[in-house]
């Protein structure tokens, strides 16, 4: 029963993305999308940057966050260079560890290769994305992230209507 209630809350939050009755009404709860990868320095960085830009272009009222399960000391220089070259804002300054509060606050958690066993189960929806390693094939990893971000934004935009 509790799971159905949580699903209903998430669906209601997603349906309310960016919807306003009039200018006097405060904006609805902005759903939180948390992107996670093991090091919080490359895949989650790129996904959050792509998602932030595309969601804004589509008029979605969402909050975006990123974290890692075993964060690196610094962001991936290759991913940062790629994002800057292509006009994307760098959404974080330094990788950080995901917390229990992150898992509780997020309406959608996107896990890209993470071992989530040391964190509590998310209260929102959990989606697992398979993304190649940047070190093996940067272009394939980038395209995989781009395609999955587009699909997610399309899903959220469709729920809003």
N, C-alpha and C. Protein backbone atom coordinates (compact mmCIF):
# COMPACT_ATOMS: atom_id res chain seq x y z
N UNK A 1 0.82 -1.18 0.00
CA UNK A 1 0.00 0.00 0.00
C UNK A 1 0.87 1.25 0.00
N UNK A 2 1.95 1.24 0.81
CA UNK A 2 2.84 2.39 0.88
C UNK A 2 3.51 2.65 -0.46
N UNK A 3 3.88 1.59 -1.16
CA UNK A 3 4.51 1.75 -2.47
C UNK A 3 3.56 2.44 -3.43
N UNK A 4 2.28 2.03 -3.42
CA UNK A 4 1.30 2.65 -4.32
C UNK A 4 1.14 4.13 -3.97
N UNK A 5 1.16 4.47 -2.68
CA UNK A 5 1.04 5.85 -2.27
C UNK A 5 2.23 6.66 -2.79
N UNK A 6 3.44 6.08 -2.66
CA UNK A 6 4.63 6.77 -3.14
C UNK A 6 4.58 6.97 -4.65
N UNK A 7 4.13 5.95 -5.37
CA UNK A 7 3.99 6.07 -6.82
C UNK A 7 3.00 7.17 -7.16
N UNK A 8 1.89 7.23 -6.44
CA UNK A 8 0.89 8.26 -6.68
C UNK A 8 1.47 9.65 -6.44
N UNK A 9 2.28 9.79 -5.39
CA UNK A 9 2.91 11.09 -5.09
C UNK A 9 3.86 11.49 -6.22
N UNK A 10 4.67 10.54 -6.67
CA UNK A 10 5.61 10.84 -7.75
C UNK A 10 4.87 11.21 -9.02
N UNK A 11 3.84 10.44 -9.36
CA UNK A 11 3.06 10.74 -10.57
C UNK A 11 2.42 12.11 -10.45
N UNK A 12 1.86 12.42 -9.30
CA UNK A 12 1.24 13.73 -9.11
C UNK A 12 2.28 14.85 -9.26
N UNK A 13 3.46 14.64 -8.70
CA UNK A 13 4.52 15.65 -8.82
C UNK A 13 4.93 15.83 -10.27
N UNK A 14 5.06 14.74 -10.98
CA UNK A 14 5.47 14.84 -12.38
C UNK A 14 4.39 15.47 -13.24
N UNK A 15 3.13 15.18 -12.92
CA UNK A 15 2.04 15.78 -13.68
C UNK A 15 1.96 17.29 -13.46
N UNK A 16 2.44 17.72 -12.32
CA UNK A 16 2.35 19.14 -12.01
C UNK A 16 3.58 19.93 -12.47
N UNK A 17 4.48 19.31 -13.16
CA UNK A 17 5.71 19.98 -13.58
C UNK A 17 5.37 21.25 -14.35
N UNK A 18 5.70 22.36 -13.75
CA UNK A 18 5.58 23.64 -14.45
C UNK A 18 4.16 24.15 -14.64
N UNK A 19 3.16 23.52 -14.11
CA UNK A 19 1.78 23.93 -14.35
C UNK A 19 1.41 25.01 -13.33
N UNK A 20 0.83 26.12 -13.84
CA UNK A 20 0.38 27.19 -12.97
C UNK A 20 -1.04 27.56 -13.34
N UNK A 21 -1.89 27.72 -12.35
CA UNK A 21 -3.28 28.09 -12.62
C UNK A 21 -3.36 29.53 -13.10
N UNK A 22 -2.61 30.42 -12.48
CA UNK A 22 -2.54 31.81 -12.91
C UNK A 22 -1.28 32.42 -12.32
N UNK A 23 -1.04 33.69 -12.63
CA UNK A 23 0.19 34.34 -12.19
C UNK A 23 0.25 34.48 -10.67
N UNK A 24 -0.90 34.44 -9.97
CA UNK A 24 -0.94 34.60 -8.53
C UNK A 24 -0.58 33.30 -7.80
N UNK A 25 -0.74 32.18 -8.48
CA UNK A 25 -0.51 30.88 -7.85
C UNK A 25 0.98 30.57 -7.85
N UNK A 26 1.52 30.17 -6.70
CA UNK A 26 2.94 29.82 -6.69
C UNK A 26 3.17 28.57 -7.54
N UNK A 27 4.40 28.40 -8.06
CA UNK A 27 4.67 27.23 -8.87
C UNK A 27 4.51 25.94 -8.07
N UNK A 28 4.09 24.90 -8.77
CA UNK A 28 3.94 23.59 -8.14
C UNK A 28 5.31 23.08 -7.70
N UNK A 29 5.29 22.08 -6.83
CA UNK A 29 6.54 21.44 -6.40
C UNK A 29 7.35 21.07 -7.63
N UNK A 30 8.57 21.54 -7.67
CA UNK A 30 9.45 21.20 -8.80
C UNK A 30 10.05 19.83 -8.52
N UNK A 31 9.72 18.83 -9.32
CA UNK A 31 10.30 17.50 -9.11
C UNK A 31 11.82 17.57 -9.18
N UNK A 32 12.46 16.72 -8.39
CA UNK A 32 13.92 16.65 -8.33
C UNK A 32 14.37 15.41 -9.09
N UNK A 33 15.28 15.61 -10.03
CA UNK A 33 15.89 14.51 -10.77
C UNK A 33 17.35 14.43 -10.33
N UNK A 34 17.73 13.29 -9.79
CA UNK A 34 19.10 13.07 -9.31
C UNK A 34 19.81 12.12 -10.27
N UNK A 35 20.89 12.60 -10.87
CA UNK A 35 21.72 11.78 -11.75
C UNK A 35 22.91 11.27 -10.94
N UNK A 36 23.14 9.95 -11.00
CA UNK A 36 24.22 9.36 -10.23
C UNK A 36 25.09 8.47 -11.10
N UNK A 37 26.39 8.58 -10.88
CA UNK A 37 27.35 7.65 -11.45
C UNK A 37 28.38 7.37 -10.36
N UNK A 38 29.18 6.33 -10.50
CA UNK A 38 30.08 5.99 -9.40
C UNK A 38 30.95 7.14 -8.90
N UNK A 39 31.54 7.89 -9.80
CA UNK A 39 32.50 8.92 -9.39
C UNK A 39 31.92 10.33 -9.37
N UNK A 40 30.70 10.50 -9.86
CA UNK A 40 30.06 11.81 -9.84
C UNK A 40 30.80 12.85 -10.65
N UNK A 41 31.65 12.41 -11.57
CA UNK A 41 32.55 13.33 -12.26
C UNK A 41 32.39 13.38 -13.77
N UNK A 42 31.69 12.41 -14.35
CA UNK A 42 31.62 12.35 -15.81
C UNK A 42 30.19 12.10 -16.30
N UNK A 43 29.71 10.87 -16.15
CA UNK A 43 28.38 10.52 -16.67
C UNK A 43 27.27 11.36 -16.04
N UNK A 44 27.27 11.45 -14.71
CA UNK A 44 26.22 12.24 -14.05
C UNK A 44 26.38 13.72 -14.35
N UNK A 45 27.60 14.17 -14.51
CA UNK A 45 27.87 15.56 -14.87
C UNK A 45 27.28 15.87 -16.23
N UNK A 46 27.59 15.04 -17.22
CA UNK A 46 27.09 15.27 -18.57
C UNK A 46 25.57 15.15 -18.62
N UNK A 47 25.03 14.12 -17.98
CA UNK A 47 23.58 13.93 -18.00
C UNK A 47 22.85 15.11 -17.36
N UNK A 48 23.36 15.58 -16.23
CA UNK A 48 22.70 16.71 -15.56
C UNK A 48 22.80 17.98 -16.39
N UNK A 49 23.92 18.21 -17.05
CA UNK A 49 24.07 19.40 -17.91
C UNK A 49 23.11 19.32 -19.10
N UNK A 50 23.07 18.17 -19.75
CA UNK A 50 22.16 18.00 -20.89
C UNK A 50 20.70 18.14 -20.45
N UNK A 51 20.37 17.49 -19.33
CA UNK A 51 18.99 17.52 -18.86
C UNK A 51 18.58 18.94 -18.48
N UNK A 52 19.44 19.65 -17.76
CA UNK A 52 19.13 21.01 -17.34
C UNK A 52 18.79 21.90 -18.54
N UNK A 53 19.62 21.84 -19.55
CA UNK A 53 19.43 22.69 -20.73
C UNK A 53 18.16 22.31 -21.49
N UNK A 54 17.97 21.02 -21.73
CA UNK A 54 16.81 20.59 -22.50
C UNK A 54 15.51 20.81 -21.73
N UNK A 55 15.51 20.55 -20.44
CA UNK A 55 14.31 20.79 -19.63
C UNK A 55 13.93 22.26 -19.65
N UNK A 56 14.92 23.12 -19.55
CA UNK A 56 14.65 24.57 -19.59
C UNK A 56 14.08 24.97 -20.95
N UNK A 57 14.67 24.44 -22.02
CA UNK A 57 14.18 24.74 -23.37
C UNK A 57 12.73 24.29 -23.55
N UNK A 58 12.37 23.20 -22.89
CA UNK A 58 11.01 22.65 -23.01
C UNK A 58 10.05 23.25 -21.99
N UNK A 59 10.55 24.16 -21.15
CA UNK A 59 9.69 24.83 -20.18
C UNK A 59 9.32 23.98 -18.98
N UNK A 60 10.12 22.98 -18.68
CA UNK A 60 9.84 22.12 -17.52
C UNK A 60 10.37 22.74 -16.24
N UNK A 61 9.59 22.70 -15.20
CA UNK A 61 9.97 23.20 -13.89
C UNK A 61 10.50 22.02 -13.09
N UNK A 62 11.81 21.80 -13.15
CA UNK A 62 12.44 20.69 -12.44
C UNK A 62 13.72 21.17 -11.78
N UNK A 63 14.12 20.45 -10.74
CA UNK A 63 15.42 20.70 -10.12
C UNK A 63 16.31 19.52 -10.46
N UNK A 64 17.56 19.81 -10.76
CA UNK A 64 18.49 18.77 -11.19
C UNK A 64 19.66 18.73 -10.21
N UNK A 65 20.07 17.51 -9.88
CA UNK A 65 21.20 17.33 -8.99
C UNK A 65 22.03 16.16 -9.52
N UNK A 66 23.28 16.10 -9.09
CA UNK A 66 24.12 14.96 -9.47
C UNK A 66 25.04 14.61 -8.31
N UNK A 67 25.39 13.33 -8.25
CA UNK A 67 26.24 12.85 -7.16
C UNK A 67 26.85 11.52 -7.57
N UNK A 68 27.77 11.06 -6.74
CA UNK A 68 28.41 9.77 -6.98
C UNK A 68 28.37 8.91 -5.73
N UNK A 69 28.60 7.63 -5.93
CA UNK A 69 28.65 6.73 -4.78
C UNK A 69 30.06 6.69 -4.19
N UNK A 70 31.06 6.93 -5.03
CA UNK A 70 32.47 7.00 -4.60
C UNK A 70 33.10 8.16 -5.36
N UNK A 71 32.78 9.40 -4.98
CA UNK A 71 33.15 10.55 -5.79
C UNK A 71 34.65 10.77 -5.96
N UNK A 72 35.01 11.19 -7.17
CA UNK A 72 36.37 11.61 -7.47
C UNK A 72 36.64 12.96 -6.81
N UNK A 73 37.90 13.35 -6.80
CA UNK A 73 38.29 14.65 -6.24
C UNK A 73 37.90 15.81 -7.15
N UNK A 74 37.87 15.55 -8.46
CA UNK A 74 37.57 16.63 -9.41
C UNK A 74 36.73 16.10 -10.56
N UNK A 75 36.15 17.04 -11.30
CA UNK A 75 35.34 16.70 -12.47
C UNK A 75 36.23 16.17 -13.59
N UNK A 76 35.65 15.37 -14.46
CA UNK A 76 36.37 14.87 -15.62
C UNK A 76 36.73 16.03 -16.55
N UNK A 77 38.01 16.22 -16.79
CA UNK A 77 38.45 17.33 -17.64
C UNK A 77 37.91 17.17 -19.06
N UNK A 78 37.84 15.94 -19.55
CA UNK A 78 37.33 15.69 -20.89
C UNK A 78 35.87 16.04 -21.03
N UNK A 79 35.07 15.68 -20.03
CA UNK A 79 33.64 16.00 -20.07
C UNK A 79 33.42 17.50 -19.91
N UNK A 80 34.16 18.13 -19.00
CA UNK A 80 34.03 19.58 -18.83
C UNK A 80 34.38 20.29 -20.13
N UNK A 81 35.47 19.91 -20.77
CA UNK A 81 35.87 20.53 -22.04
C UNK A 81 34.80 20.34 -23.10
N UNK A 82 34.24 19.14 -23.18
CA UNK A 82 33.18 18.86 -24.16
C UNK A 82 31.96 19.73 -23.91
N UNK A 83 31.54 19.82 -22.65
CA UNK A 83 30.36 20.62 -22.32
C UNK A 83 30.59 22.10 -22.64
N UNK A 84 31.75 22.62 -22.25
CA UNK A 84 32.05 24.03 -22.52
C UNK A 84 32.11 24.30 -24.02
N UNK A 85 32.75 23.42 -24.75
CA UNK A 85 32.87 23.58 -26.21
C UNK A 85 31.50 23.62 -26.88
N UNK A 86 30.53 22.91 -26.30
CA UNK A 86 29.21 22.83 -26.90
C UNK A 86 28.18 23.74 -26.24
N UNK A 87 28.64 24.68 -25.41
CA UNK A 87 27.75 25.70 -24.86
C UNK A 87 26.90 25.28 -23.67
N UNK A 88 27.30 24.25 -22.95
CA UNK A 88 26.55 23.81 -21.78
C UNK A 88 27.17 24.40 -20.52
N UNK A 89 26.30 24.76 -19.58
CA UNK A 89 26.77 25.21 -18.27
C UNK A 89 27.27 23.99 -17.50
N UNK A 90 28.31 24.19 -16.72
CA UNK A 90 28.83 23.12 -15.86
C UNK A 90 28.02 23.20 -14.56
N UNK A 91 27.17 22.20 -14.29
CA UNK A 91 26.21 22.32 -13.19
C UNK A 91 26.78 22.18 -11.77
N UNK A 92 27.97 21.62 -11.65
CA UNK A 92 28.58 21.47 -10.32
C UNK A 92 30.05 21.85 -10.40
N UNK A 93 30.64 22.16 -9.26
CA UNK A 93 32.05 22.51 -9.22
C UNK A 93 32.93 21.33 -8.84
N UNK A 94 32.36 20.42 -8.06
CA UNK A 94 33.14 19.30 -7.55
C UNK A 94 32.20 18.12 -7.31
N UNK A 95 32.65 16.90 -7.62
CA UNK A 95 31.82 15.73 -7.32
C UNK A 95 31.56 15.62 -5.81
N UNK A 96 30.41 15.08 -5.48
CA UNK A 96 30.07 14.88 -4.08
C UNK A 96 29.40 13.52 -3.92
N UNK A 97 29.42 13.02 -2.70
CA UNK A 97 28.81 11.73 -2.39
C UNK A 97 27.30 11.88 -2.25
N UNK A 98 26.59 10.93 -2.81
CA UNK A 98 25.14 10.88 -2.63
C UNK A 98 24.84 10.56 -1.17
N UNK A 99 23.75 11.11 -0.67
CA UNK A 99 23.36 10.93 0.73
C UNK A 99 21.97 10.29 0.82
N UNK A 100 21.64 9.85 2.02
CA UNK A 100 20.30 9.33 2.26
C UNK A 100 19.26 10.40 1.98
N UNK A 101 19.57 11.66 2.31
CA UNK A 101 18.64 12.76 2.05
C UNK A 101 18.41 12.93 0.55
N UNK A 102 19.46 12.76 -0.26
CA UNK A 102 19.29 12.83 -1.72
C UNK A 102 18.30 11.78 -2.20
N UNK A 103 18.44 10.58 -1.66
CA UNK A 103 17.59 9.47 -2.10
C UNK A 103 16.14 9.70 -1.66
N UNK A 104 15.96 10.37 -0.54
CA UNK A 104 14.62 10.66 -0.05
C UNK A 104 13.99 11.82 -0.81
N UNK A 105 14.79 12.82 -1.17
CA UNK A 105 14.29 14.04 -1.80
C UNK A 105 13.99 13.85 -3.28
N UNK A 106 14.70 12.98 -3.96
CA UNK A 106 14.58 12.86 -5.41
C UNK A 106 13.28 12.18 -5.82
N UNK A 107 12.62 12.78 -6.79
CA UNK A 107 11.43 12.18 -7.38
C UNK A 107 11.83 11.12 -8.41
N UNK A 108 12.98 11.33 -9.04
CA UNK A 108 13.52 10.37 -9.99
C UNK A 108 15.01 10.27 -9.74
N UNK A 109 15.50 9.05 -9.59
CA UNK A 109 16.93 8.80 -9.45
C UNK A 109 17.37 8.04 -10.69
N UNK A 110 18.36 8.60 -11.39
CA UNK A 110 18.95 7.94 -12.56
C UNK A 110 20.30 7.40 -12.13
N UNK A 111 20.44 6.08 -12.16
CA UNK A 111 21.69 5.44 -11.77
C UNK A 111 22.40 4.93 -13.01
N UNK A 112 23.65 5.35 -13.17
CA UNK A 112 24.47 4.92 -14.31
C UNK A 112 25.67 4.15 -13.77
N UNK A 113 25.47 2.87 -13.53
CA UNK A 113 26.57 2.02 -13.08
C UNK A 113 26.88 2.09 -11.60
N UNK A 114 25.94 2.55 -10.80
CA UNK A 114 26.20 2.71 -9.36
C UNK A 114 25.83 1.47 -8.56
N UNK A 115 26.61 1.24 -7.51
CA UNK A 115 26.26 0.26 -6.49
C UNK A 115 25.51 1.05 -5.42
N UNK A 116 24.21 0.88 -5.38
CA UNK A 116 23.38 1.65 -4.45
C UNK A 116 23.13 0.93 -3.13
N UNK A 117 23.83 -0.18 -2.91
CA UNK A 117 23.57 -1.00 -1.73
C UNK A 117 23.87 -0.30 -0.40
N UNK A 118 24.69 0.72 -0.39
CA UNK A 118 25.02 1.42 0.85
C UNK A 118 24.12 2.62 1.10
N UNK A 119 23.17 2.84 0.19
CA UNK A 119 22.22 3.94 0.33
C UNK A 119 20.82 3.37 0.50
N UNK A 120 19.94 4.13 1.17
CA UNK A 120 18.56 3.64 1.26
C UNK A 120 17.90 3.67 -0.11
N UNK A 121 16.90 2.84 -0.27
CA UNK A 121 16.16 2.84 -1.54
C UNK A 121 15.55 4.22 -1.75
N UNK A 122 15.55 4.70 -2.98
CA UNK A 122 14.95 6.02 -3.22
C UNK A 122 13.44 5.98 -2.98
N UNK A 123 12.90 7.10 -2.52
CA UNK A 123 11.45 7.18 -2.33
C UNK A 123 10.75 7.42 -3.66
N UNK A 124 11.47 7.99 -4.61
CA UNK A 124 10.91 8.21 -5.94
C UNK A 124 11.25 7.07 -6.88
N UNK A 125 11.04 7.30 -8.14
CA UNK A 125 11.31 6.28 -9.16
C UNK A 125 12.81 6.10 -9.35
N UNK A 126 13.22 4.86 -9.53
CA UNK A 126 14.62 4.55 -9.82
C UNK A 126 14.71 4.05 -11.25
N UNK A 127 15.56 4.70 -12.04
CA UNK A 127 15.81 4.27 -13.42
C UNK A 127 17.29 3.95 -13.54
N UNK A 128 17.58 2.85 -14.19
CA UNK A 128 18.96 2.45 -14.41
C UNK A 128 19.29 2.63 -15.88
N UNK A 129 20.30 3.43 -16.15
CA UNK A 129 20.75 3.64 -17.52
C UNK A 129 22.07 2.91 -17.73
N UNK A 130 22.18 2.22 -18.85
CA UNK A 130 23.43 1.59 -19.23
C UNK A 130 24.15 2.56 -20.15
N UNK A 131 25.33 2.98 -19.75
CA UNK A 131 26.12 3.95 -20.51
C UNK A 131 27.54 3.41 -20.63
N UNK A 132 28.08 3.37 -21.85
CA UNK A 132 29.48 2.92 -22.00
C UNK A 132 30.43 3.84 -21.23
N UNK A 133 31.60 3.33 -20.90
CA UNK A 133 32.62 4.14 -20.24
C UNK A 133 33.17 5.17 -21.22
N UNK A 134 33.37 6.38 -20.73
CA UNK A 134 33.97 7.42 -21.57
C UNK A 134 35.36 7.00 -22.03
N UNK A 135 36.10 6.32 -21.18
CA UNK A 135 37.47 5.94 -21.53
C UNK A 135 37.51 4.93 -22.67
N UNK A 136 36.48 4.13 -22.80
CA UNK A 136 36.43 3.14 -23.87
C UNK A 136 35.95 3.74 -25.18
N UNK A 137 34.92 4.62 -25.11
CA UNK A 137 34.37 5.21 -26.32
C UNK A 137 33.58 6.46 -25.93
N UNK A 138 34.25 7.60 -25.94
CA UNK A 138 33.63 8.86 -25.51
C UNK A 138 32.37 9.16 -26.32
N UNK A 139 32.46 9.01 -27.65
CA UNK A 139 31.32 9.35 -28.51
C UNK A 139 30.11 8.46 -28.22
N UNK A 140 30.34 7.16 -28.00
CA UNK A 140 29.23 6.25 -27.70
C UNK A 140 28.60 6.59 -26.35
N UNK A 141 29.42 6.92 -25.36
CA UNK A 141 28.91 7.29 -24.05
C UNK A 141 28.10 8.59 -24.15
N UNK A 142 28.64 9.56 -24.85
CA UNK A 142 27.95 10.84 -25.02
C UNK A 142 26.61 10.64 -25.72
N UNK A 143 26.59 9.86 -26.77
CA UNK A 143 25.34 9.63 -27.52
C UNK A 143 24.32 8.88 -26.68
N UNK A 144 24.77 7.91 -25.90
CA UNK A 144 23.87 7.17 -25.03
C UNK A 144 23.22 8.09 -24.00
N UNK A 145 24.02 8.93 -23.38
CA UNK A 145 23.48 9.89 -22.40
C UNK A 145 22.52 10.85 -23.07
N UNK A 146 22.92 11.40 -24.20
CA UNK A 146 22.05 12.35 -24.92
C UNK A 146 20.70 11.71 -25.25
N UNK A 147 20.73 10.50 -25.81
CA UNK A 147 19.49 9.83 -26.20
C UNK A 147 18.58 9.57 -25.00
N UNK A 148 19.15 9.13 -23.88
CA UNK A 148 18.35 8.83 -22.71
C UNK A 148 17.82 10.09 -22.03
N UNK A 149 18.60 11.17 -22.07
CA UNK A 149 18.11 12.45 -21.53
C UNK A 149 16.94 12.95 -22.37
N UNK A 150 17.06 12.88 -23.67
CA UNK A 150 15.96 13.32 -24.55
C UNK A 150 14.70 12.52 -24.25
N UNK A 151 14.84 11.21 -24.12
CA UNK A 151 13.69 10.35 -23.81
C UNK A 151 13.06 10.73 -22.49
N UNK A 152 13.87 10.98 -21.46
CA UNK A 152 13.35 11.36 -20.15
C UNK A 152 12.62 12.70 -20.21
N UNK A 153 13.21 13.67 -20.86
CA UNK A 153 12.56 14.99 -20.98
C UNK A 153 11.25 14.86 -21.75
N UNK A 154 11.25 14.07 -22.82
CA UNK A 154 10.02 13.84 -23.57
C UNK A 154 8.93 13.23 -22.69
N UNK A 155 9.31 12.24 -21.86
CA UNK A 155 8.34 11.60 -20.95
C UNK A 155 7.77 12.62 -19.97
N UNK A 156 8.64 13.45 -19.39
CA UNK A 156 8.18 14.45 -18.41
C UNK A 156 7.30 15.51 -19.08
N UNK A 157 7.68 15.92 -20.27
CA UNK A 157 6.88 16.91 -20.99
C UNK A 157 5.50 16.35 -21.35
N UNK A 158 5.45 15.08 -21.74
CA UNK A 158 4.18 14.46 -22.10
C UNK A 158 3.26 14.34 -20.87
N UNK A 159 3.82 14.08 -19.72
CA UNK A 159 3.03 13.97 -18.48
C UNK A 159 2.48 15.31 -18.06
N UNK A 160 3.17 16.38 -18.43
CA UNK A 160 2.74 17.73 -18.05
C UNK A 160 1.49 18.13 -18.80
N UNK A 161 1.34 17.62 -20.00
CA UNK A 161 0.22 18.05 -20.87
C UNK A 161 -1.07 17.36 -20.55
